[in-house]
Protein backbone atom coordinates (compact mmCIF):
# COMPACT_ATOMS: atom_id res chain seq x y z
CA UNK A 1 -42.06 96.88 -13.50
CA UNK A 2 -42.97 93.82 -14.69
CA UNK A 3 -40.90 91.14 -15.96
CA UNK A 4 -41.57 89.50 -19.27
CA UNK A 5 -41.51 86.00 -19.37
CA UNK A 6 -39.07 84.57 -21.79
CA UNK A 7 -39.93 80.63 -21.29
CA UNK A 8 -37.44 79.99 -19.16
CA UNK A 9 -38.60 78.04 -16.08
CA UNK A 10 -36.88 78.50 -12.97
CA UNK A 11 -36.95 75.52 -10.35
CA UNK A 12 -35.35 75.59 -6.63
CA UNK A 13 -32.06 74.40 -5.14
CA UNK A 14 -33.28 70.53 -5.04
CA UNK A 15 -34.65 70.66 -8.77
CA UNK A 16 -32.03 67.99 -10.07
CA UNK A 17 -31.99 65.82 -7.26
CA UNK A 18 -34.91 63.62 -9.20
CA UNK A 19 -32.89 62.87 -12.17
CA UNK A 20 -29.50 62.80 -10.10
CA UNK A 21 -31.26 59.98 -8.58
CA UNK A 22 -32.29 58.29 -11.82
CA UNK A 23 -28.63 58.60 -12.94
CA UNK A 24 -27.37 56.95 -9.85
CA UNK A 25 -29.84 54.20 -9.75
CA UNK A 26 -29.52 53.39 -13.50
CA UNK A 27 -25.54 53.46 -13.18
CA UNK A 28 -25.96 50.80 -9.99
CA UNK A 29 -28.14 48.73 -11.83
CA UNK A 30 -25.58 48.48 -14.99
CA UNK A 31 -22.64 48.08 -12.36
CA UNK A 32 -24.73 45.09 -10.79
CA UNK A 33 -25.40 43.59 -13.90
CA UNK A 34 -21.79 43.78 -15.18
CA UNK A 35 -20.69 42.28 -11.88
CA UNK A 36 -22.78 39.42 -12.12
CA UNK A 37 -21.30 38.45 -15.28
CA UNK A 38 -17.40 38.95 -14.16
CA UNK A 39 -17.73 38.15 -10.24
CA UNK A 40 -16.05 34.73 -10.51
CA UNK A 41 -12.91 36.09 -12.24
CA UNK A 42 -12.60 39.12 -9.85
CA UNK A 43 -13.00 36.80 -7.05
CA UNK A 44 -10.10 34.24 -8.32
CA UNK A 45 -7.64 36.79 -9.07
CA UNK A 46 -8.29 38.41 -5.85
CA UNK A 47 -7.67 34.92 -4.00
CA UNK A 48 -4.47 34.54 -6.23
CA UNK A 49 -3.41 38.14 -5.32
CA UNK A 50 -3.75 37.16 -1.50
CA UNK A 51 -1.98 33.78 -1.90
CA UNK A 52 0.97 35.27 -3.58
CA UNK A 53 1.23 38.19 -1.15
CA UNK A 54 1.03 35.54 1.84
CA UNK A 55 3.51 33.32 0.05
CA UNK A 56 6.27 36.43 -0.51
CA UNK A 57 5.54 37.02 3.54
CA UNK A 58 6.19 33.42 4.56
CA UNK A 59 9.33 33.14 2.14
CA UNK A 60 10.76 36.38 3.60
CA UNK A 61 10.31 35.47 7.19
CA UNK A 62 11.73 31.78 6.58
CA UNK A 63 14.88 33.77 4.85
CA UNK A 64 15.25 35.83 7.76
CA UNK A 65 14.76 33.13 10.54
CA UNK A 66 17.52 31.21 8.35
CA UNK A 67 19.50 34.28 8.32
CA UNK A 68 19.39 34.21 11.79
CA UNK A 69 20.08 30.66 12.78
CA UNK A 70 23.23 31.05 10.30
CA UNK A 71 24.20 34.62 11.93
CA UNK A 72 23.74 32.77 15.65
CA UNK A 73 25.48 29.60 14.75
CA UNK A 74 28.59 32.03 13.57
CA UNK A 75 28.75 33.81 16.73
CA UNK A 76 28.57 30.59 18.85
CA UNK A 77 31.38 28.99 16.77
CA UNK A 78 33.57 32.31 16.68
CA UNK A 79 32.89 34.46 19.62
CA UNK A 80 36.11 36.23 19.25
CA UNK A 81 34.39 37.95 16.23
CA UNK A 82 32.04 39.79 19.09
CA UNK A 83 35.24 41.70 20.48
CA UNK A 84 36.30 44.79 18.24
CA UNK A 85 38.98 44.27 15.34
CA UNK A 86 42.12 42.70 16.82
CA UNK A 87 45.47 43.42 15.58
CA UNK A 88 46.94 40.19 13.65
CA UNK A 89 50.42 40.00 14.71
CA UNK A 90 53.02 37.63 12.68
CA UNK A 91 56.60 36.86 13.26
CA UNK A 92 59.03 34.78 11.61
CA UNK A 93 60.16 31.66 14.05
CA UNK A 94 63.10 29.88 13.82
CA UNK A 95 62.14 26.27 13.12
CA UNK A 96 65.00 24.58 14.73
CA UNK A 97 63.86 26.05 18.27
CA UNK A 98 61.01 24.58 20.38
CA UNK A 99 57.68 26.62 20.33
CA UNK A 100 57.29 28.98 23.03
CA UNK A 101 54.32 27.88 24.92
CA UNK A 102 53.83 30.99 27.15
CA UNK A 103 54.00 33.10 24.10
CA UNK A 104 50.35 32.16 22.72
CA UNK A 105 48.10 33.03 25.28
CA UNK A 106 44.70 30.92 24.71
CA UNK A 107 41.26 32.76 24.53
CA UNK A 108 39.65 32.33 28.02
CA UNK A 109 36.63 29.85 26.72
CA UNK A 110 39.70 27.59 24.85
CA UNK A 111 40.62 24.69 27.11
CA UNK A 112 44.44 24.45 28.37
CA UNK A 113 46.48 23.57 25.37
CA UNK A 114 49.05 20.82 26.04
CA UNK A 115 51.96 20.68 23.86
CA UNK A 116 53.79 17.36 23.78
CA UNK A 117 57.29 17.58 22.20
CA UNK A 118 58.71 13.97 21.50
CA UNK A 119 60.87 12.59 18.49
CA UNK A 120 59.48 9.99 16.35
CA UNK A 121 61.12 7.34 18.18
CA UNK A 122 59.67 8.51 21.39
CA UNK A 123 56.38 8.87 19.97
CA UNK A 124 56.58 5.32 18.62
CA UNK A 125 57.50 4.01 21.96
CA UNK A 126 54.45 5.91 23.62
CA UNK A 127 51.97 4.76 21.15
CA UNK A 128 53.43 0.82 21.63
CA UNK A 129 53.17 1.98 25.76
CA UNK A 130 49.45 2.70 24.94
CA UNK A 131 48.38 -0.34 23.15
CA UNK A 132 49.88 -2.68 25.59
CA UNK A 133 48.32 -0.80 28.50
CA UNK A 134 44.87 -1.00 27.12
CA UNK A 135 45.06 -4.79 26.19
CA UNK A 136 43.90 -7.13 29.02
CA UNK A 137 45.96 -9.70 30.27
CA UNK A 138 44.98 -13.15 28.67
CA UNK A 139 44.37 -15.08 32.05
CA UNK A 140 41.53 -12.60 33.04
CA UNK A 141 39.99 -12.35 29.87
CA UNK A 142 39.84 -16.52 29.58
CA UNK A 143 38.45 -16.82 33.06
CA UNK A 144 34.95 -15.80 32.33
CA UNK A 145 34.68 -18.14 29.28
CA UNK A 146 35.85 -21.32 31.17
């Protein structure tokens, strides 16, 4: 049985390779020509974007560092906040009674508290005594200059 030729030309599986290669080559040339015209603007845009990202990352790092310094400073100044929640107790004290020194236990890291309970007259006497104790006698001061 013979087939009648209908005018259709049949090719092998690689028949369209030449046309595809030509299309890719043409598109590459067109892109290179377009790139030649816009390369400077694209390069500047990419550079600006890189600088914006770098600035944002550095700003974020500085903000985190600043927050860490503030947090550590707060922890150093207020170490009692490292412990859990403390119960706050308040009581009404008679103002005429002397303060209860033993009732308030200072934290272990605080220096010992010294309470001086004096009247205003006693305080004035103590302050006068302090001033006279710190002044040098007139004789010893004049010996070095004579």
